[in-house]
């Protein structure tokens, strides 16, 4: 008949001697204790750490102990899930034998894998950023490759911008024009009459080439002069 109590006491003494700085007894009935497991140092001396809590059941090691993650540092939720799955797998494989050392060793190896993965992810991220910077520099040097799609897109935007500029210019031109008053129209027509008469006085008109007609626009202008209409016979 197996003496479970004896096996548990012997393992507990061995575990305490192997992990003197990270082993802590929480209770004696039932026997419960914690072991803190830390990964090897990674980049910039970074580590990941987990504190495992184990509790012996009555028929341990023929039945697996109870375990849980008591605390952790620098681990993702997915990492803690992986550790719990690993503990279950190792416990099933080692039933009938004291297994705390085996479980802790498996977790230690897992933490070292995690720290290596962190280093790899950072290296991949660094390389990705370097590639993006190189592509951006190359793009800036070479310019954008013209395709049918991006040319048509640019052309549509350009035509839209030109139409908008034209519309704004026409609106500005229309707003800049002021309507002439009746007095301004009168003065403009009066100036035209005067300039036409002056032209006839200063110039020489050959009758064979031009026919000169006089037409008064308003009765008030009869005494001052008439608008001269000149047409060519050529």
C-alpha atoms as a PDB file:
ATOM      1  CA  UNK A   1       0.000   0.000   0.000  1.00  0.00           C
ATOM      2  CA  UNK A   2       1.376   3.385  -1.029  1.00  0.00           C
ATOM      3  CA  UNK A   3       2.203   5.809   1.774  1.00  0.00           C
ATOM      4  CA  UNK A   4       1.154   9.057   0.051  1.00  0.00           C
ATOM      5  CA  UNK A   5       2.012  11.195   3.043  1.00  0.00           C
ATOM      6  CA  UNK A   6       5.590   9.929   3.109  1.00  0.00           C
ATOM      7  CA  UNK A   7       6.115  10.501  -0.590  1.00  0.00           C
ATOM      8  CA  UNK A   8       4.741  14.001  -0.323  1.00  0.00           C
ATOM      9  CA  UNK A   9       6.967  14.882   2.667  1.00  0.00           C
ATOM     10  CA  UNK A  10      10.080  13.562   0.915  1.00  0.00           C
ATOM     11  CA  UNK A  11       9.311  15.519  -2.259  1.00  0.00           C
ATOM     12  CA  UNK A  12       8.618  18.666  -0.302  1.00  0.00           C
ATOM     13  CA  UNK A  13      12.058  18.483   1.365  1.00  0.00           C
ATOM     14  CA  UNK A  14      13.723  17.949  -2.007  1.00  0.00           C
ATOM     15  CA  UNK A  15      11.835  20.851  -3.616  1.00  0.00           C
ATOM     16  CA  UNK A  16      12.797  23.172  -0.758  1.00  0.00           C
ATOM     17  CA  UNK A  17      16.480  22.313  -1.195  1.00  0.00           C
ATOM     18  CA  UNK A  18      16.318  22.789  -5.005  1.00  0.00           C
ATOM     19  CA  UNK A  19      14.467  26.122  -4.906  1.00  0.00           C
ATOM     20  CA  UNK A  20      15.464  27.669  -1.549  1.00  0.00           C
ATOM     21  CA  UNK A  21      14.946  31.277  -2.688  1.00  0.00           C
ATOM     22  CA  UNK A  22      11.682  30.818  -4.574  1.00  0.00           C
ATOM     23  CA  UNK A  23       9.891  28.166  -2.507  1.00  0.00           C
ATOM     24  CA  UNK A  24       7.272  29.192   0.073  1.00  0.00           C
ATOM     25  CA  UNK A  25       4.966  26.960   2.135  1.00  0.00           C
ATOM     26  CA  UNK A  26       1.456  28.366   2.405  1.00  0.00           C
ATOM     27  CA  UNK A  27      -0.252  25.658   4.500  1.00  0.00           C
ATOM     28  CA  UNK A  28       0.381  22.156   5.863  1.00  0.00           C
ATOM     29  CA  UNK A  29      -3.093  20.646   5.789  1.00  0.00           C
ATOM     30  CA  UNK A  30      -3.580  20.359   2.919  1.00  0.00           C
ATOM     31  CA  UNK A  31       0.021  20.898   1.894  1.00  0.00           C
ATOM     32  CA  UNK A  32       0.140  23.985  -0.291  1.00  0.00           C
ATOM     33  CA  UNK A  33       3.174  25.935  -1.511  1.00  0.00           C
ATOM     34  CA  UNK A  34       4.392  28.304  -4.215  1.00  0.00           C
ATOM     35  CA  UNK A  35       7.441  28.234  -6.472  1.00  0.00           C
ATOM     36  CA  UNK A  36       8.490  31.286  -8.443  1.00  0.00           C
ATOM     37  CA  UNK A  37       9.934  30.475 -11.875  1.00  0.00           C
ATOM     38  CA  UNK A  38      11.924  33.049 -13.838  1.00  0.00           C
ATOM     39  CA  UNK A  39      13.171  32.840 -17.401  1.00  0.00           C
ATOM     40  CA  UNK A  40      16.760  33.368 -18.420  1.00  0.00           C
ATOM     41  CA  UNK A  41      17.617  36.995 -19.112  1.00  0.00           C
ATOM     42  CA  UNK A  42      16.685  38.144 -22.590  1.00  0.00           C
ATOM     43  CA  UNK A  43      17.413  41.300 -24.525  1.00  0.00           C
ATOM     44  CA  UNK A  44      18.255  44.222 -22.218  1.00  0.00           C
ATOM     45  CA  UNK A  45      18.216  41.744 -19.295  1.00  0.00           C
ATOM     46  CA  UNK A  46      14.446  41.407 -19.655  1.00  0.00           C
ATOM     47  CA  UNK A  47      12.800  38.387 -18.045  1.00  0.00           C
ATOM     48  CA  UNK A  48       9.350  36.849 -17.696  1.00  0.00           C
ATOM     49  CA  UNK A  49       8.231  35.317 -14.444  1.00  0.00           C
ATOM     50  CA  UNK A  50       5.428  33.230 -13.018  1.00  0.00           C
ATOM     51  CA  UNK A  51       4.646  32.071  -9.482  1.00  0.00           C
ATOM     52  CA  UNK A  52       2.993  28.648  -9.433  1.00  0.00           C
ATOM     53  CA  UNK A  53       0.825  27.455  -6.540  1.00  0.00           C
ATOM     54  CA  UNK A  54       0.620  23.715  -5.951  1.00  0.00           C
ATOM     55  CA  UNK A  55      -1.648  21.844  -3.527  1.00  0.00           C
ATOM     56  CA  UNK A  56      -1.277  18.146  -2.798  1.00  0.00           C
ATOM     57  CA  UNK A  57      -4.392  16.017  -3.023  1.00  0.00           C
ATOM     58  CA  UNK A  58      -4.804  12.969  -0.747  1.00  0.00           C
ATOM     59  CA  UNK A  59      -3.652  10.369  -3.309  1.00  0.00           C
ATOM     60  CA  UNK A  60      -0.859  12.366  -4.928  1.00  0.00           C
ATOM     61  CA  UNK A  61       1.184  11.282  -6.899  1.00  0.00           C
ATOM     62  CA  UNK A  62      -1.322   8.728  -8.239  1.00  0.00           C
ATOM     63  CA  UNK A  63      -3.583  11.726  -8.776  1.00  0.00           C
ATOM     64  CA  UNK A  64      -2.268  15.043 -10.078  1.00  0.00           C
ATOM     65  CA  UNK A  65      -1.822  17.946  -7.669  1.00  0.00           C
ATOM     66  CA  UNK A  66      -3.907  21.079  -7.944  1.00  0.00           C
ATOM     67  CA  UNK A  67      -2.180  24.052  -9.528  1.00  0.00           C
ATOM     68  CA  UNK A  68      -2.810  27.645 -10.474  1.00  0.00           C
ATOM     69  CA  UNK A  69      -0.869  30.712 -11.533  1.00  0.00           C
ATOM     70  CA  UNK A  70      -0.517  32.723  -8.337  1.00  0.00           C
ATOM     71  CA  UNK A  71       1.081  35.752 -10.044  1.00  0.00           C
ATOM     72  CA  UNK A  72       3.027  36.633 -13.186  1.00  0.00           C
ATOM     73  CA  UNK A  73       5.201  39.350 -14.710  1.00  0.00           C
ATOM     74  CA  UNK A  74       5.525  40.399 -18.360  1.00  0.00           C
ATOM     75  CA  UNK A  75       3.326  37.596 -19.651  1.00  0.00           C
ATOM     76  CA  UNK A  76       0.452  37.895 -22.091  1.00  0.00           C
ATOM     77  CA  UNK A  77      -2.864  36.201 -21.343  1.00  0.00           C
ATOM     78  CA  UNK A  78      -2.155  33.742 -24.126  1.00  0.00           C
ATOM     79  CA  UNK A  79       1.152  32.840 -22.450  1.00  0.00           C
ATOM     80  CA  UNK A  80      -0.510  32.026 -19.147  1.00  0.00           C
ATOM     81  CA  UNK A  81      -3.052  29.864 -20.958  1.00  0.00           C
ATOM     82  CA  UNK A  82      -0.217  27.995 -22.643  1.00  0.00           C
ATOM     83  CA  UNK A  83       1.470  27.406 -19.277  1.00  0.00           C
ATOM     84  CA  UNK A  84      -1.703  25.970 -17.741  1.00  0.00           C
ATOM     85  CA  UNK A  85      -2.148  23.660 -20.734  1.00  0.00           C
ATOM     86  CA  UNK A  86       1.465  22.550 -20.411  1.00  0.00           C
ATOM     87  CA  UNK A  87       1.038  21.723 -16.715  1.00  0.00           C
ATOM     88  CA  UNK A  88      -2.001  19.561 -17.458  1.00  0.00           C
ATOM     89  CA  UNK A  89      -0.167  17.689 -20.195  1.00  0.00           C
ATOM     90  CA  UNK A  90       2.904  17.033 -18.047  1.00  0.00           C
ATOM     91  CA  UNK A  91       0.824  15.934 -15.076  1.00  0.00           C
ATOM     92  CA  UNK A  92      -1.038  13.364 -17.173  1.00  0.00           C
ATOM     93  CA  UNK A  93       2.252  11.976 -18.507  1.00  0.00           C
ATOM     94  CA  UNK A  94       3.814  11.632 -15.033  1.00  0.00           C
ATOM     95  CA  UNK A  95       0.975  10.118 -12.965  1.00  0.00           C
ATOM     96  CA  UNK A  96       2.244   7.672 -10.302  1.00  0.00           C
ATOM     97  CA  UNK A  97       5.529   9.575  -9.844  1.00  0.00           C
ATOM     98  CA  UNK A  98       6.280  12.687  -7.821  1.00  0.00           C
ATOM     99  CA  UNK A  99       6.218  15.399 -10.450  1.00  0.00           C
ATOM    100  CA  UNK A 100       6.629  18.895  -9.009  1.00  0.00           C
ATOM    101  CA  UNK A 101      10.227  19.198 -10.205  1.00  0.00           C
ATOM    102  CA  UNK A 102       9.198  17.962 -13.666  1.00  0.00           C
ATOM    103  CA  UNK A 103       6.331  20.457 -13.851  1.00  0.00           C
ATOM    104  CA  UNK A 104       8.494  23.363 -12.750  1.00  0.00           C
ATOM    105  CA  UNK A 105      11.251  22.415 -15.208  1.00  0.00           C
ATOM    106  CA  UNK A 106       8.721  22.320 -18.082  1.00  0.00           C
ATOM    107  CA  UNK A 107       7.438  25.769 -17.119  1.00  0.00           C
ATOM    108  CA  UNK A 108      11.030  27.079 -16.926  1.00  0.00           C
ATOM    109  CA  UNK A 109      11.662  25.911 -20.486  1.00  0.00           C
ATOM    110  CA  UNK A 110       8.399  27.467 -21.626  1.00  0.00           C
ATOM    111  CA  UNK A 111       9.356  30.828 -20.124  1.00  0.00           C
ATOM    112  CA  UNK A 112      12.694  30.712 -21.949  1.00  0.00           C
ATOM    113  CA  UNK A 113      10.815  30.060 -25.189  1.00  0.00           C
ATOM    114  CA  UNK A 114       8.563  33.028 -24.498  1.00  0.00           C
ATOM    115  CA  UNK A 115      11.510  35.362 -23.905  1.00  0.00           C
ATOM    116  CA  UNK A 116      13.056  34.154 -27.180  1.00  0.00           C
ATOM    117  CA  UNK A 117       9.766  34.788 -28.967  1.00  0.00           C
ATOM    118  CA  UNK A 118       9.637  38.311 -27.568  1.00  0.00           C
ATOM    119  CA  UNK A 119      13.138  38.925 -28.907  1.00  0.00           C
ATOM    120  CA  UNK A 120      12.178  37.486 -32.310  1.00  0.00           C
ATOM    121  CA  UNK A 121       9.012  39.611 -32.506  1.00  0.00           C
ATOM    122  CA  UNK A 122      10.985  42.740 -31.730  1.00  0.00           C
ATOM    123  CA  UNK A 123      13.586  41.864 -34.342  1.00  0.00           C
ATOM    124  CA  UNK A 124      10.878  41.230 -36.938  1.00  0.00           C
ATOM    125  CA  UNK A 125       9.215  44.531 -36.058  1.00  0.00           C
ATOM    126  CA  UNK A 126      12.528  46.341 -36.394  1.00  0.00           C
ATOM    127  CA  UNK A 127      13.168  44.755 -39.803  1.00  0.00           C
ATOM    128  CA  UNK A 128       9.636  45.593 -40.940  1.00  0.00           C
ATOM    129  CA  UNK A 129      10.081  49.259 -40.052  1.00  0.00           C
ATOM    130  CA  UNK A 130      13.440  49.316 -41.847  1.00  0.00           C
ATOM    131  CA  UNK A 131      11.855  47.831 -44.977  1.00  0.00           C
ATOM    132  CA  UNK A 132       9.027  50.360 -44.852  1.00  0.00           C
ATOM    133  CA  UNK A 133      11.535  53.209 -44.495  1.00  0.00           C
ATOM    134  CA  UNK A 134      13.515  51.900 -47.479  1.00  0.00           C
ATOM    135  CA  UNK A 135      10.357  51.569 -49.573  1.00  0.00           C
ATOM    136  CA  UNK A 136       9.274  55.094 -48.639  1.00  0.00           C
ATOM    137  CA  UNK A 137      12.686  56.476 -49.600  1.00  0.00           C
ATOM    138  CA  UNK A 138      12.659  54.571 -52.888  1.00  0.00           C
ATOM    139  CA  UNK A 139       9.122  55.769 -53.606  1.00  0.00           C
ATOM    140  CA  UNK A 140      10.093  59.373 -52.926  1.00  0.00           C
ATOM    141  CA  UNK A 141      13.085  59.067 -55.275  1.00  0.00           C
ATOM    142  CA  UNK A 142      11.327  57.266 -58.122  1.00  0.00           C
ATOM    143  CA  UNK A 143       7.915  58.861 -57.834  1.00  0.00           C
ATOM    144  CA  UNK A 144       4.619  57.106 -58.280  1.00  0.00           C
ATOM    145  CA  UNK A 145       4.376  54.562 -61.088  1.00  0.00           C
ATOM    146  CA  UNK A 146       1.660  55.711 -63.493  1.00  0.00           C
ATOM    147  CA  UNK A 147      -1.047  53.181 -64.225  1.00  0.00           C
ATOM    148  CA  UNK A 148      -4.308  53.560 -66.109  1.00  0.00           C
ATOM    149  CA  UNK A 149      -6.236  53.504 -62.859  1.00  0.00           C
ATOM    150  CA  UNK A 150      -4.271  56.174 -60.988  1.00  0.00           C
ATOM    151  CA  UNK A 151      -3.995  58.357 -64.135  1.00  0.00           C
ATOM    152  CA  UNK A 152      -7.769  58.363 -64.648  1.00  0.00           C
ATOM    153  CA  UNK A 153      -8.238  59.110 -60.969  1.00  0.00           C
ATOM    154  CA  UNK A 154      -5.792  62.030 -61.174  1.00  0.00           C
ATOM    155  CA  UNK A 155      -7.422  63.311 -64.387  1.00  0.00           C
ATOM    156  CA  UNK A 156     -10.880  63.300 -62.801  1.00  0.00           C
ATOM    157  CA  UNK A 157      -9.604  65.236 -59.783  1.00  0.00           C
ATOM    158  CA  UNK A 158      -7.748  67.711 -62.011  1.00  0.00           C
ATOM    159  CA  UNK A 159     -10.791  68.404 -64.196  1.00  0.00           C
ATOM    160  CA  UNK A 160     -12.948  68.875 -61.120  1.00  0.00           C
ATOM    161  CA  UNK A 161     -10.445  71.353 -59.655  1.00  0.00           C
ATOM    162  CA  UNK A 162     -10.223  73.277 -62.945  1.00  0.00           C
ATOM    163  CA  UNK A 163     -14.017  73.478 -63.221  1.00  0.00           C
ATOM    164  CA  UNK A 164     -14.222  74.786 -59.680  1.00  0.00           C
ATOM    165  CA  UNK A 165     -11.551  77.417 -60.352  1.00  0.00           C
ATOM    166  CA  UNK A 166     -13.363  78.500 -63.531  1.00  0.00           C
ATOM    167  CA  UNK A 167     -16.657  78.778 -61.677  1.00  0.00           C
ATOM    168  CA  UNK A 168     -15.084  80.897 -58.954  1.00  0.00           C
ATOM    169  CA  UNK A 169     -13.416  83.168 -61.530  1.00  0.00           C
ATOM    170  CA  UNK A 170     -16.668  83.709 -63.422  1.00  0.00           C
ATOM    171  CA  UNK A 171     -18.409  84.513 -60.149  1.00  0.00           C
ATOM    172  CA  UNK A 172     -15.688  87.016 -59.244  1.00  0.00           C
ATOM    173  CA  UNK A 173     -15.865  88.632 -62.731  1.00  0.00           C
ATOM    174  CA  UNK A 174     -19.628  88.957 -62.507  1.00  0.00           C
ATOM    175  CA  UNK A 175     -19.478  90.477 -59.046  1.00  0.00           C
ATOM    176  CA  UNK A 176     -16.797  92.959 -60.248  1.00  0.00           C
ATOM    177  CA  UNK A 177     -18.992  94.365 -62.995  1.00  0.00           C
ATOM    178  CA  UNK A 178     -21.160  97.329 -62.017  1.00  0.00           C
ATOM    179  CA  UNK A 179     -24.242  98.452 -63.952  1.00  0.00           C
ATOM    180  CA  UNK A 180     -23.984 101.854 -65.687  1.00  0.00           C
ATOM    181  CA  UNK A 181     -26.394 104.570 -64.568  1.00  0.00           C
ATOM    182  CA  UNK A 182     -28.503 106.587 -67.032  1.00  0.00           C
ATOM    183  CA  UNK A 183     -26.128 109.521 -66.667  1.00  0.00           C
ATOM    184  CA  UNK A 184     -23.125 107.291 -67.452  1.00  0.00           C
ATOM    185  CA  UNK A 185     -24.872 105.946 -70.560  1.00  0.00           C
ATOM    186  CA  UNK A 186     -25.628 109.489 -71.674  1.00  0.00           C
ATOM    187  CA  UNK A 187     -22.050 110.630 -71.151  1.00  0.00           C
ATOM    188  CA  UNK A 188     -20.735 107.576 -72.968  1.00  0.00           C
ATOM    189  CA  UNK A 189     -22.984 108.183 -75.997  1.00  0.00           C
ATOM    190  CA  UNK A 190     -22.149 111.910 -75.914  1.00  0.00           C
ATOM    191  CA  UNK A 191     -18.453 111.129 -75.969  1.00  0.00           C
ATOM    192  CA  UNK A 192     -18.968 108.808 -78.906  1.00  0.00           C
ATOM    193  CA  UNK A 193     -20.762 111.567 -80.835  1.00  0.00           C
ATOM    194  CA  UNK A 194     -17.990 114.030 -80.147  1.00  0.00           C
ATOM    195  CA  UNK A 195     -15.250 111.582 -81.101  1.00  0.00           C
ATOM    196  CA  UNK A 196     -17.002 110.730 -84.372  1.00  0.00           C
ATOM    197  CA  UNK A 197     -17.411 114.375 -85.355  1.00  0.00           C
ATOM    198  CA  UNK A 198     -13.796 115.110 -84.424  1.00  0.00           C
ATOM    199  CA  UNK A 199     -12.734 112.221 -86.614  1.00  0.00           C
ATOM    200  CA  UNK A 200     -14.576 113.712 -89.601  1.00  0.00           C
ATOM    201  CA  UNK A 201     -13.138 117.164 -88.960  1.00  0.00           C
ATOM    202  CA  UNK A 202      -9.570 115.942 -88.698  1.00  0.00           C
ATOM    203  CA  UNK A 203      -9.610 113.306 -91.426  1.00  0.00           C
ATOM    204  CA  UNK A 204     -10.243 113.341 -95.143  1.00  0.00           C
ATOM    205  CA  UNK A 205     -13.098 111.232 -96.376  1.00  0.00           C
ATOM    206  CA  UNK A 206     -13.334 110.334-100.056  1.00  0.00           C
ATOM    207  CA  UNK A 207     -16.941 110.179-101.220  1.00  0.00           C
ATOM    208  CA  UNK A 208     -16.162 107.365-103.618  1.00  0.00           C
ATOM    209  CA  UNK A 209     -15.198 105.147-100.719  1.00  0.00           C
ATOM    210  CA  UNK A 210     -17.494 106.196 -97.855  1.00  0.00           C
ATOM    211  CA  UNK A 211     -21.055 107.313 -97.514  1.00  0.00           C
ATOM    212  CA  UNK A 212     -21.578 109.627 -94.552  1.00  0.00           C
ATOM    213  CA  UNK A 213     -24.952 109.813 -92.860  1.00  0.00           C
ATOM    214  CA  UNK A 214     -26.076 111.895 -89.929  1.00  0.00           C
ATOM    215  CA  UNK A 215     -28.673 110.748 -87.494  1.00  0.00           C
ATOM    216  CA  UNK A 216     -29.708 112.592 -84.370  1.00  0.00           C
ATOM    217  CA  UNK A 217     -30.513 110.345 -81.453  1.00  0.00           C
ATOM    218  CA  UNK A 218     -32.297 112.854 -79.292  1.00  0.00           C
ATOM    219  CA  UNK A 219     -33.949 116.198 -80.107  1.00  0.00           C
ATOM    220  CA  UNK A 220     -31.816 117.907 -77.480  1.00  0.00           C
ATOM    221  CA  UNK A 221     -28.660 116.987 -79.420  1.00  0.00           C
ATOM    222  CA  UNK A 222     -29.703 118.645 -82.739  1.00  0.00           C
ATOM    223  CA  UNK A 223     -28.020 121.909 -81.908  1.00  0.00           C
ATOM    224  CA  UNK A 224     -24.847 120.296 -80.529  1.00  0.00           C
ATOM    225  CA  UNK A 225     -24.292 117.745 -83.241  1.00  0.00           C
ATOM    226  CA  UNK A 226     -25.412 114.359 -84.437  1.00  0.00           C
ATOM    227  CA  UNK A 227     -23.991 110.878 -84.287  1.00  0.00           C
ATOM    228  CA  UNK A 228     -22.060 110.102 -87.447  1.00  0.00           C
ATOM    229  CA  UNK A 229     -22.615 106.754 -89.113  1.00  0.00           C
ATOM    230  CA  UNK A 230     -19.920 105.822 -91.571  1.00  0.00           C
ATOM    231  CA  UNK A 231     -20.263 102.883 -93.948  1.00  0.00           C
ATOM    232  CA  UNK A 232     -17.935 101.681 -96.636  1.00  0.00           C
ATOM    233  CA  UNK A 233     -18.922 101.130-100.252  1.00  0.00           C
ATOM    234  CA  UNK A 234     -15.991  98.786-100.769  1.00  0.00           C
END
